[in-house]
N, C-alpha and C. Protein backbone atom coordinates (compact mmCIF):
# COMPACT_ATOMS: atom_id res chain seq x y z
N MET A 1 -41.96 -0.50 -43.89
CA MET A 1 -42.11 -1.28 -42.68
C MET A 1 -42.97 -2.50 -42.99
N ASP A 2 -42.68 -3.59 -42.33
CA ASP A 2 -43.54 -4.76 -42.46
C ASP A 2 -44.82 -4.49 -41.65
N PRO A 3 -45.89 -5.25 -41.86
CA PRO A 3 -47.17 -4.97 -41.19
C PRO A 3 -47.08 -4.90 -39.66
N ASP A 4 -46.32 -5.77 -39.03
CA ASP A 4 -46.21 -5.73 -37.57
C ASP A 4 -45.49 -4.47 -37.10
N SER A 5 -44.40 -4.10 -37.78
CA SER A 5 -43.67 -2.88 -37.43
C SER A 5 -44.54 -1.65 -37.63
N LEU A 6 -45.30 -1.64 -38.71
CA LEU A 6 -46.19 -0.52 -39.00
C LEU A 6 -47.25 -0.39 -37.90
N GLU A 7 -47.86 -1.51 -37.52
CA GLU A 7 -48.88 -1.49 -36.46
C GLU A 7 -48.28 -0.97 -35.16
N THR A 8 -47.11 -1.46 -34.79
CA THR A 8 -46.45 -1.01 -33.56
C THR A 8 -46.14 0.47 -33.63
N TYR A 9 -45.62 0.92 -34.76
CA TYR A 9 -45.26 2.32 -34.94
C TYR A 9 -46.48 3.23 -34.79
N VAL A 10 -47.56 2.93 -35.51
CA VAL A 10 -48.75 3.77 -35.49
C VAL A 10 -49.34 3.80 -34.08
N ARG A 11 -49.37 2.67 -33.39
CA ARG A 11 -49.90 2.63 -32.03
C ARG A 11 -49.01 3.39 -31.04
N SER A 12 -47.73 3.50 -31.34
CA SER A 12 -46.80 4.16 -30.41
C SER A 12 -46.80 5.68 -30.54
N ARG A 13 -47.41 6.22 -31.54
CA ARG A 13 -47.47 7.66 -31.76
C ARG A 13 -48.79 8.20 -31.25
N ARG A 14 -48.86 9.52 -31.10
CA ARG A 14 -50.09 10.17 -30.64
C ARG A 14 -50.63 11.18 -31.65
N TRP A 15 -49.75 11.73 -32.46
CA TRP A 15 -50.13 12.85 -33.33
C TRP A 15 -49.81 12.54 -34.78
N GLY A 16 -50.65 13.06 -35.65
CA GLY A 16 -50.42 12.97 -37.08
C GLY A 16 -50.98 14.21 -37.74
N ARG A 17 -50.85 14.27 -39.04
CA ARG A 17 -51.41 15.38 -39.81
C ARG A 17 -52.45 14.77 -40.75
N LEU A 18 -53.70 15.18 -40.55
CA LEU A 18 -54.81 14.62 -41.33
C LEU A 18 -55.09 15.54 -42.51
N ALA A 19 -55.16 14.95 -43.69
CA ALA A 19 -55.47 15.70 -44.92
C ALA A 19 -56.85 15.31 -45.43
N THR A 20 -57.62 16.33 -45.81
CA THR A 20 -58.92 16.15 -46.44
C THR A 20 -58.93 17.00 -47.70
N VAL A 21 -59.99 16.85 -48.49
CA VAL A 21 -60.13 17.62 -49.72
C VAL A 21 -61.53 18.21 -49.78
N SER A 22 -61.62 19.50 -50.11
CA SER A 22 -62.91 20.17 -50.21
C SER A 22 -63.64 19.74 -51.48
N ALA A 23 -64.90 20.16 -51.59
CA ALA A 23 -65.71 19.82 -52.76
C ALA A 23 -65.09 20.34 -54.05
N ASP A 24 -64.38 21.46 -53.98
CA ASP A 24 -63.75 22.00 -55.19
C ASP A 24 -62.31 21.54 -55.37
N GLY A 25 -61.89 20.53 -54.59
CA GLY A 25 -60.58 19.91 -54.78
C GLY A 25 -59.43 20.55 -54.03
N GLU A 26 -59.71 21.50 -53.13
CA GLU A 26 -58.63 22.14 -52.39
C GLU A 26 -58.23 21.27 -51.19
N PRO A 27 -56.94 20.92 -51.07
CA PRO A 27 -56.50 20.11 -49.94
C PRO A 27 -56.43 20.93 -48.65
N HIS A 28 -56.57 20.25 -47.55
CA HIS A 28 -56.47 20.86 -46.21
C HIS A 28 -55.75 19.87 -45.31
N VAL A 29 -54.75 20.34 -44.57
CA VAL A 29 -53.98 19.49 -43.67
C VAL A 29 -53.94 20.16 -42.31
N ALA A 30 -54.21 19.37 -41.26
CA ALA A 30 -54.18 19.91 -39.90
C ALA A 30 -53.76 18.80 -38.93
N PRO A 31 -53.09 19.17 -37.84
CA PRO A 31 -52.68 18.16 -36.87
C PRO A 31 -53.88 17.58 -36.14
N VAL A 32 -53.75 16.33 -35.74
CA VAL A 32 -54.81 15.66 -35.01
C VAL A 32 -54.19 14.64 -34.05
N GLY A 33 -54.70 14.62 -32.82
CA GLY A 33 -54.34 13.59 -31.86
C GLY A 33 -55.24 12.40 -32.10
N TYR A 34 -54.71 11.19 -32.00
CA TYR A 34 -55.50 10.01 -32.33
C TYR A 34 -55.18 8.84 -31.41
N VAL A 35 -56.08 7.86 -31.40
CA VAL A 35 -55.85 6.57 -30.75
C VAL A 35 -56.26 5.49 -31.74
N VAL A 36 -55.74 4.29 -31.53
CA VAL A 36 -56.03 3.16 -32.40
C VAL A 36 -56.92 2.16 -31.65
N SER A 37 -58.08 1.87 -32.24
CA SER A 37 -58.99 0.86 -31.72
C SER A 37 -59.88 0.43 -32.87
N ASP A 38 -59.45 -0.59 -33.60
CA ASP A 38 -60.16 -1.03 -34.80
C ASP A 38 -60.36 0.14 -35.76
N GLY A 39 -59.28 0.82 -36.03
CA GLY A 39 -59.28 2.01 -36.87
C GLY A 39 -58.61 3.14 -36.11
N ILE A 40 -58.55 4.30 -36.74
CA ILE A 40 -57.92 5.48 -36.14
C ILE A 40 -59.03 6.43 -35.69
N TRP A 41 -59.10 6.70 -34.39
CA TRP A 41 -60.13 7.56 -33.82
C TRP A 41 -59.54 8.90 -33.42
N PHE A 42 -60.29 9.97 -33.68
CA PHE A 42 -59.91 11.29 -33.19
C PHE A 42 -61.17 12.07 -32.85
N HIS A 43 -61.00 13.06 -32.01
CA HIS A 43 -62.10 13.89 -31.52
C HIS A 43 -61.85 15.29 -32.07
N ALA A 44 -62.78 15.81 -32.87
CA ALA A 44 -62.51 17.07 -33.56
C ALA A 44 -63.77 17.90 -33.72
N LEU A 45 -63.56 19.16 -34.00
CA LEU A 45 -64.62 20.14 -34.20
C LEU A 45 -65.46 19.77 -35.43
N VAL A 46 -66.75 19.66 -35.24
CA VAL A 46 -67.66 19.27 -36.32
C VAL A 46 -67.73 20.36 -37.40
N GLY A 47 -67.77 21.63 -37.00
CA GLY A 47 -67.92 22.72 -37.96
C GLY A 47 -66.64 23.19 -38.60
N SER A 48 -65.54 22.51 -38.35
CA SER A 48 -64.25 22.91 -38.94
C SER A 48 -64.20 22.53 -40.41
N ARG A 49 -63.21 23.05 -41.09
CA ARG A 49 -62.99 22.68 -42.50
C ARG A 49 -62.86 21.17 -42.62
N ARG A 50 -62.09 20.55 -41.72
CA ARG A 50 -61.90 19.10 -41.73
C ARG A 50 -63.25 18.40 -41.57
N GLY A 51 -64.05 18.84 -40.58
CA GLY A 51 -65.35 18.23 -40.34
C GLY A 51 -66.29 18.35 -41.54
N ARG A 52 -66.29 19.52 -42.17
CA ARG A 52 -67.14 19.72 -43.35
C ARG A 52 -66.69 18.83 -44.50
N ASP A 53 -65.37 18.73 -44.71
CA ASP A 53 -64.86 17.88 -45.79
C ASP A 53 -65.25 16.42 -45.57
N ILE A 54 -65.09 15.95 -44.33
CA ILE A 54 -65.42 14.56 -44.02
C ILE A 54 -66.92 14.32 -44.18
N SER A 55 -67.75 15.27 -43.74
CA SER A 55 -69.20 15.09 -43.83
C SER A 55 -69.69 15.00 -45.27
N ARG A 56 -68.96 15.58 -46.20
CA ARG A 56 -69.38 15.48 -47.60
C ARG A 56 -68.68 14.33 -48.32
N GLY A 57 -67.93 13.50 -47.56
CA GLY A 57 -67.40 12.26 -48.13
C GLY A 57 -65.95 12.28 -48.56
N SER A 58 -65.19 13.30 -48.18
CA SER A 58 -63.78 13.35 -48.58
C SER A 58 -63.03 12.13 -48.08
N ARG A 59 -62.22 11.55 -48.94
CA ARG A 59 -61.25 10.56 -48.47
C ARG A 59 -60.20 11.33 -47.68
N CYS A 60 -59.48 10.62 -46.84
CA CYS A 60 -58.50 11.26 -45.97
C CYS A 60 -57.18 10.54 -46.04
N SER A 61 -56.14 11.23 -45.62
CA SER A 61 -54.85 10.59 -45.39
C SER A 61 -54.30 11.15 -44.09
N LEU A 62 -53.66 10.27 -43.33
CA LEU A 62 -53.06 10.64 -42.06
C LEU A 62 -51.58 10.36 -42.16
N CYS A 63 -50.76 11.40 -42.04
CA CYS A 63 -49.31 11.26 -42.07
C CYS A 63 -48.80 11.27 -40.63
N ILE A 64 -48.08 10.22 -40.28
CA ILE A 64 -47.48 10.07 -38.96
C ILE A 64 -45.99 9.87 -39.22
N ASP A 65 -45.15 10.78 -38.74
CA ASP A 65 -43.74 10.62 -39.04
C ASP A 65 -42.88 11.24 -37.95
N ASP A 66 -41.62 10.86 -37.95
CA ASP A 66 -40.64 11.46 -37.05
C ASP A 66 -39.26 11.36 -37.68
N GLY A 67 -38.27 11.90 -36.98
CA GLY A 67 -36.92 11.89 -37.50
C GLY A 67 -36.52 13.19 -38.17
N LEU A 68 -37.30 14.24 -37.98
CA LEU A 68 -37.00 15.51 -38.62
C LEU A 68 -36.65 16.60 -37.61
N GLY A 69 -36.50 16.23 -36.36
CA GLY A 69 -36.24 17.22 -35.32
C GLY A 69 -34.76 17.54 -35.16
N ASP A 70 -34.51 18.52 -34.31
CA ASP A 70 -33.14 18.90 -34.02
C ASP A 70 -32.35 17.70 -33.53
N GLY A 71 -31.16 17.53 -34.06
CA GLY A 71 -30.28 16.45 -33.65
C GLY A 71 -30.58 15.11 -34.29
N GLU A 72 -31.61 15.04 -35.12
CA GLU A 72 -31.94 13.79 -35.78
C GLU A 72 -31.38 13.81 -37.20
N GLY A 73 -30.92 12.68 -37.65
CA GLY A 73 -30.32 12.59 -38.97
C GLY A 73 -31.14 11.75 -39.93
N TYR A 74 -30.56 11.49 -41.06
CA TYR A 74 -31.19 10.77 -42.15
C TYR A 74 -31.75 9.42 -41.69
N ALA A 75 -30.97 8.67 -40.94
CA ALA A 75 -31.38 7.33 -40.51
C ALA A 75 -32.49 7.35 -39.46
N ASP A 76 -32.83 8.52 -38.92
CA ASP A 76 -33.90 8.62 -37.93
C ASP A 76 -35.28 8.81 -38.56
N ARG A 77 -35.32 8.99 -39.86
CA ARG A 77 -36.59 9.26 -40.54
C ARG A 77 -37.39 7.98 -40.69
N ARG A 78 -38.64 8.04 -40.20
CA ARG A 78 -39.56 6.92 -40.37
C ARG A 78 -40.98 7.47 -40.27
N GLY A 79 -41.90 6.74 -40.83
CA GLY A 79 -43.26 7.19 -40.78
C GLY A 79 -44.18 6.37 -41.65
N ALA A 80 -45.42 6.84 -41.70
CA ALA A 80 -46.44 6.15 -42.50
C ALA A 80 -47.49 7.16 -42.93
N VAL A 81 -48.11 6.88 -44.05
CA VAL A 81 -49.29 7.60 -44.49
C VAL A 81 -50.39 6.55 -44.61
N LEU A 82 -51.50 6.81 -43.93
CA LEU A 82 -52.64 5.90 -43.93
C LEU A 82 -53.75 6.56 -44.75
N TYR A 83 -54.23 5.89 -45.77
CA TYR A 83 -55.25 6.43 -46.67
C TYR A 83 -56.57 5.69 -46.44
N GLY A 84 -57.67 6.40 -46.45
CA GLY A 84 -58.95 5.71 -46.32
C GLY A 84 -60.12 6.63 -46.18
N GLY A 85 -61.26 6.00 -45.97
CA GLY A 85 -62.49 6.73 -45.73
C GLY A 85 -62.58 7.09 -44.26
N CYS A 86 -63.25 8.18 -43.97
CA CYS A 86 -63.39 8.64 -42.60
C CYS A 86 -64.86 8.97 -42.38
N GLU A 87 -65.35 8.65 -41.19
CA GLU A 87 -66.76 8.90 -40.90
C GLU A 87 -66.94 9.60 -39.58
N LEU A 88 -67.98 10.40 -39.51
CA LEU A 88 -68.44 10.99 -38.26
C LEU A 88 -69.19 9.87 -37.55
N VAL A 89 -68.80 9.57 -36.31
CA VAL A 89 -69.41 8.48 -35.57
C VAL A 89 -70.58 9.02 -34.74
N ALA A 90 -71.71 8.33 -34.78
CA ALA A 90 -72.89 8.75 -34.04
C ALA A 90 -72.58 8.82 -32.55
N ALA A 91 -73.13 9.83 -31.88
CA ALA A 91 -72.85 10.06 -30.46
C ALA A 91 -73.25 8.88 -29.59
N ASP A 92 -74.21 8.07 -30.01
CA ASP A 92 -74.65 6.93 -29.21
C ASP A 92 -73.99 5.61 -29.62
N ASP A 93 -72.96 5.67 -30.43
CA ASP A 93 -72.25 4.46 -30.86
C ASP A 93 -71.70 3.74 -29.63
N PRO A 94 -71.95 2.44 -29.50
CA PRO A 94 -71.51 1.70 -28.31
C PRO A 94 -69.98 1.59 -28.15
N ARG A 95 -69.23 1.90 -29.18
CA ARG A 95 -67.75 1.84 -29.08
C ARG A 95 -67.17 3.08 -28.42
N ILE A 96 -67.92 4.17 -28.38
CA ILE A 96 -67.38 5.45 -27.91
C ILE A 96 -66.90 5.40 -26.46
N PRO A 97 -67.61 4.81 -25.51
CA PRO A 97 -67.08 4.81 -24.13
C PRO A 97 -65.68 4.20 -24.02
N GLU A 98 -65.43 3.11 -24.74
CA GLU A 98 -64.10 2.49 -24.70
C GLU A 98 -63.06 3.41 -25.36
N VAL A 99 -63.40 4.00 -26.49
CA VAL A 99 -62.48 4.90 -27.19
C VAL A 99 -62.22 6.14 -26.35
N ARG A 100 -63.26 6.69 -25.71
CA ARG A 100 -63.12 7.86 -24.84
C ARG A 100 -62.12 7.57 -23.71
N ARG A 101 -62.25 6.41 -23.07
CA ARG A 101 -61.34 6.04 -21.97
C ARG A 101 -59.91 5.89 -22.49
N LEU A 102 -59.75 5.26 -23.64
CA LEU A 102 -58.41 5.10 -24.22
C LEU A 102 -57.81 6.47 -24.54
N PHE A 103 -58.58 7.33 -25.17
CA PHE A 103 -58.10 8.67 -25.53
C PHE A 103 -57.71 9.45 -24.27
N ALA A 104 -58.57 9.42 -23.26
CA ALA A 104 -58.29 10.15 -22.01
C ALA A 104 -57.04 9.60 -21.33
N THR A 105 -56.83 8.30 -21.40
CA THR A 105 -55.63 7.69 -20.81
C THR A 105 -54.38 8.12 -21.57
N VAL A 106 -54.43 8.04 -22.89
CA VAL A 106 -53.27 8.38 -23.72
C VAL A 106 -52.92 9.85 -23.62
N PHE A 107 -53.90 10.73 -23.68
CA PHE A 107 -53.62 12.17 -23.74
C PHE A 107 -53.60 12.88 -22.39
N PHE A 108 -54.29 12.33 -21.40
CA PHE A 108 -54.37 13.01 -20.11
C PHE A 108 -53.90 12.16 -18.94
N GLY A 109 -53.60 10.88 -19.19
CA GLY A 109 -53.13 10.00 -18.12
C GLY A 109 -54.23 9.62 -17.13
N ASP A 110 -55.48 9.87 -17.47
CA ASP A 110 -56.59 9.61 -16.57
C ASP A 110 -57.77 9.09 -17.40
N PRO A 111 -58.10 7.80 -17.28
CA PRO A 111 -59.17 7.25 -18.11
C PRO A 111 -60.54 7.85 -17.84
N ASP A 112 -60.71 8.50 -16.70
CA ASP A 112 -62.00 9.08 -16.36
C ASP A 112 -62.09 10.58 -16.64
N ARG A 113 -61.04 11.14 -17.18
CA ARG A 113 -61.02 12.58 -17.46
C ARG A 113 -62.07 12.93 -18.50
N ARG A 114 -62.84 13.96 -18.23
CA ARG A 114 -63.85 14.44 -19.18
C ARG A 114 -63.20 15.56 -20.00
N PHE A 115 -63.25 15.45 -21.28
CA PHE A 115 -62.60 16.43 -22.15
C PHE A 115 -63.45 16.80 -23.34
N GLU A 116 -64.51 16.08 -23.58
CA GLU A 116 -65.30 16.30 -24.78
C GLU A 116 -66.07 17.61 -24.72
N ARG A 117 -66.30 18.18 -25.89
CA ARG A 117 -67.03 19.44 -26.03
C ARG A 117 -68.24 19.21 -26.91
N ARG A 118 -69.28 20.01 -26.71
CA ARG A 118 -70.49 19.88 -27.53
C ARG A 118 -70.22 20.21 -28.99
N THR A 119 -69.19 20.98 -29.27
CA THR A 119 -68.87 21.38 -30.65
C THR A 119 -68.05 20.33 -31.39
N HIS A 120 -67.64 19.27 -30.68
CA HIS A 120 -66.78 18.24 -31.24
C HIS A 120 -67.52 16.91 -31.36
N ALA A 121 -66.97 16.02 -32.15
CA ALA A 121 -67.51 14.67 -32.31
C ALA A 121 -66.36 13.71 -32.55
N TRP A 122 -66.69 12.43 -32.47
CA TRP A 122 -65.71 11.38 -32.75
C TRP A 122 -65.73 11.04 -34.24
N TYR A 123 -64.54 10.85 -34.77
CA TYR A 123 -64.38 10.45 -36.17
C TYR A 123 -63.56 9.16 -36.19
N LEU A 124 -63.83 8.34 -37.21
CA LEU A 124 -63.12 7.08 -37.37
C LEU A 124 -62.57 6.98 -38.78
N LEU A 125 -61.26 6.89 -38.88
CA LEU A 125 -60.57 6.68 -40.15
C LEU A 125 -60.27 5.19 -40.27
N ARG A 126 -60.72 4.60 -41.36
CA ARG A 126 -60.45 3.18 -41.61
C ARG A 126 -59.50 3.09 -42.81
N PRO A 127 -58.21 2.94 -42.52
CA PRO A 127 -57.25 2.88 -43.63
C PRO A 127 -57.48 1.66 -44.52
N ASP A 128 -57.39 1.89 -45.83
CA ASP A 128 -57.49 0.80 -46.78
C ASP A 128 -56.21 0.67 -47.60
N ARG A 129 -55.29 1.61 -47.37
CA ARG A 129 -54.00 1.58 -48.07
C ARG A 129 -53.01 2.32 -47.20
N THR A 130 -51.76 1.86 -47.21
CA THR A 130 -50.71 2.53 -46.44
C THR A 130 -49.43 2.63 -47.25
N ALA A 131 -48.63 3.60 -46.87
CA ALA A 131 -47.26 3.72 -47.36
C ALA A 131 -46.42 4.00 -46.12
N SER A 132 -45.27 3.37 -46.02
CA SER A 132 -44.44 3.58 -44.82
C SER A 132 -42.97 3.56 -45.18
N TRP A 133 -42.15 4.08 -44.27
CA TRP A 133 -40.71 4.12 -44.47
C TRP A 133 -40.00 4.07 -43.13
N ASP A 134 -38.81 3.54 -43.15
CA ASP A 134 -37.95 3.52 -41.97
C ASP A 134 -36.52 3.52 -42.49
N PHE A 135 -35.91 4.70 -42.53
CA PHE A 135 -34.59 4.85 -43.12
C PHE A 135 -33.52 4.10 -42.33
N SER A 136 -33.78 3.76 -41.07
CA SER A 136 -32.78 3.02 -40.28
C SER A 136 -32.62 1.60 -40.79
N ARG A 137 -33.57 1.12 -41.57
CA ARG A 137 -33.52 -0.26 -42.08
C ARG A 137 -32.88 -0.36 -43.46
N ILE A 138 -32.41 0.75 -43.99
CA ILE A 138 -31.75 0.71 -45.29
C ILE A 138 -30.40 0.04 -45.11
N PRO A 139 -30.14 -1.03 -45.85
CA PRO A 139 -28.86 -1.73 -45.69
C PRO A 139 -27.68 -0.82 -46.02
N PRO A 140 -26.61 -0.90 -45.23
CA PRO A 140 -25.42 -0.08 -45.50
C PRO A 140 -24.93 -0.27 -46.93
N GLY A 141 -24.56 0.84 -47.55
CA GLY A 141 -24.01 0.80 -48.90
C GLY A 141 -25.03 0.79 -50.02
N THR A 142 -26.32 0.78 -49.69
CA THR A 142 -27.33 0.73 -50.75
C THR A 142 -28.00 2.07 -51.02
N ASP A 143 -27.72 3.07 -50.21
CA ASP A 143 -28.35 4.39 -50.38
C ASP A 143 -27.27 5.45 -50.37
N ARG A 144 -27.03 6.07 -51.51
CA ARG A 144 -25.97 7.07 -51.60
C ARG A 144 -26.25 8.28 -50.70
N HIS A 145 -27.54 8.57 -50.44
CA HIS A 145 -27.87 9.69 -49.56
C HIS A 145 -27.47 9.38 -48.12
N ALA A 146 -27.70 8.15 -47.70
CA ALA A 146 -27.34 7.77 -46.33
C ALA A 146 -25.83 7.83 -46.15
N ALA A 147 -25.09 7.36 -47.15
CA ALA A 147 -23.64 7.36 -47.06
C ALA A 147 -23.09 8.78 -47.05
N ALA A 148 -23.76 9.67 -47.78
CA ALA A 148 -23.27 11.05 -47.89
C ALA A 148 -23.76 11.94 -46.77
N SER A 149 -24.78 11.49 -46.05
CA SER A 149 -25.35 12.38 -45.04
C SER A 149 -24.68 12.20 -43.70
N VAL A 150 -24.26 13.28 -43.20
CA VAL A 150 -23.75 13.34 -41.84
C VAL A 150 -24.72 14.26 -41.14
N PRO A 151 -25.28 13.86 -39.99
CA PRO A 151 -26.26 14.74 -39.37
C PRO A 151 -25.73 16.16 -39.25
N PRO A 152 -26.45 17.12 -39.84
CA PRO A 152 -25.98 18.51 -39.80
C PRO A 152 -26.09 19.07 -38.39
N GLU A 153 -25.24 20.03 -38.12
CA GLU A 153 -25.39 20.72 -36.85
C GLU A 153 -26.65 21.55 -36.98
N ARG A 154 -27.47 21.45 -36.00
CA ARG A 154 -28.74 22.17 -36.06
C ARG A 154 -28.62 23.47 -35.28
N THR A 155 -29.19 24.49 -35.84
CA THR A 155 -29.26 25.77 -35.13
C THR A 155 -30.71 26.19 -35.15
N SER A 156 -31.05 27.11 -34.30
CA SER A 156 -32.44 27.57 -34.29
C SER A 156 -32.71 28.33 -35.57
N HIS A 157 -33.99 28.33 -35.95
CA HIS A 157 -34.37 29.05 -37.16
C HIS A 157 -34.27 30.54 -36.91
N PRO A 158 -33.88 31.31 -37.92
CA PRO A 158 -33.77 32.75 -37.72
C PRO A 158 -35.13 33.37 -37.45
N VAL A 159 -35.12 34.42 -36.68
CA VAL A 159 -36.35 35.14 -36.39
C VAL A 159 -36.65 36.06 -37.57
N VAL A 160 -37.88 35.98 -38.07
CA VAL A 160 -38.29 36.81 -39.20
C VAL A 160 -38.80 38.13 -38.64
N PRO A 161 -38.31 39.27 -39.14
CA PRO A 161 -38.78 40.57 -38.65
C PRO A 161 -40.27 40.74 -38.87
N ALA A 162 -40.90 41.60 -38.08
CA ALA A 162 -42.34 41.82 -38.14
C ALA A 162 -42.82 42.16 -39.54
N GLY A 163 -42.03 42.85 -40.32
CA GLY A 163 -42.43 43.24 -41.68
C GLY A 163 -42.28 42.11 -42.68
N GLY A 164 -41.87 40.94 -42.25
CA GLY A 164 -41.67 39.80 -43.15
C GLY A 164 -40.19 39.61 -43.44
N PRO A 165 -39.87 38.58 -44.21
CA PRO A 165 -38.47 38.32 -44.51
C PRO A 165 -37.88 39.41 -45.38
N PRO A 166 -36.59 39.64 -45.25
CA PRO A 166 -35.97 40.66 -46.09
C PRO A 166 -36.04 40.25 -47.56
N THR A 167 -36.15 41.22 -48.42
CA THR A 167 -36.17 40.94 -49.84
C THR A 167 -34.76 41.11 -50.38
N ALA A 168 -34.51 40.46 -51.50
CA ALA A 168 -33.18 40.55 -52.10
C ALA A 168 -32.96 41.93 -52.69
N PRO A 169 -31.74 42.45 -52.63
CA PRO A 169 -31.47 43.75 -53.25
C PRO A 169 -31.73 43.67 -54.75
N PRO A 170 -32.04 44.81 -55.38
CA PRO A 170 -32.28 44.79 -56.83
C PRO A 170 -31.10 44.16 -57.57
N GLY A 171 -31.45 43.33 -58.56
CA GLY A 171 -30.41 42.71 -59.38
C GLY A 171 -29.84 41.44 -58.77
N ARG A 172 -30.29 41.03 -57.59
CA ARG A 172 -29.78 39.81 -56.97
C ARG A 172 -30.94 38.83 -56.78
N ASP A 173 -30.63 37.57 -56.87
CA ASP A 173 -31.67 36.55 -56.67
C ASP A 173 -32.06 36.49 -55.21
N ALA A 174 -33.33 36.18 -54.97
CA ALA A 174 -33.81 35.99 -53.60
C ALA A 174 -33.19 34.72 -53.04
N ASP A 175 -33.25 34.57 -51.75
CA ASP A 175 -32.72 33.39 -51.07
C ASP A 175 -33.39 32.15 -51.64
N PRO A 176 -32.65 31.19 -52.18
CA PRO A 176 -33.26 29.99 -52.77
C PRO A 176 -33.92 29.11 -51.72
N ASN A 177 -33.61 29.32 -50.43
CA ASN A 177 -34.23 28.51 -49.39
C ASN A 177 -35.50 29.16 -48.85
N SER A 178 -35.85 30.33 -49.35
CA SER A 178 -37.04 31.02 -48.90
C SER A 178 -38.29 30.36 -49.46
N LEU A 179 -39.36 30.39 -48.69
CA LEU A 179 -40.63 29.85 -49.17
C LEU A 179 -41.37 30.82 -50.05
N ARG A 180 -40.90 32.05 -50.16
CA ARG A 180 -41.58 33.05 -50.99
C ARG A 180 -41.17 32.92 -52.42
């Protein structure tokens, strides 16, 4: 995406998946609701894995994407990954009242809605690098995957029995689409 399209896209979304890294290098990814106001703001639990990683200086990445839902095809895929430093914002920061009102408006439809908890704090991600994609902008005939892809008929995912997924009978390979 060009910079203007990227800005419009990120501002038009509400949710992303924020990734942090622990001190021993283990990645952690969790969903986060966000708003844009001179950076990416979110309100999250301070004592969570994400909060601990950020407090010790982990760089972060925020993946915002769509086009993977039922009835959506190859050309519907678009998104961005925003990379940067993230900080815990001091509770008395003068920007917080404006961000709080924006967040309450976006998520609750009421700028005066009180939603904050004592266990949570405001965080600010300042992207310094981005990667983005919009498969609908791929020129016809230039992507063999687009030409070959016909949106598949979508069905609901199978229900996994309480004991877990069935295992393959002896002597047969397990389902290649299984995550196990």
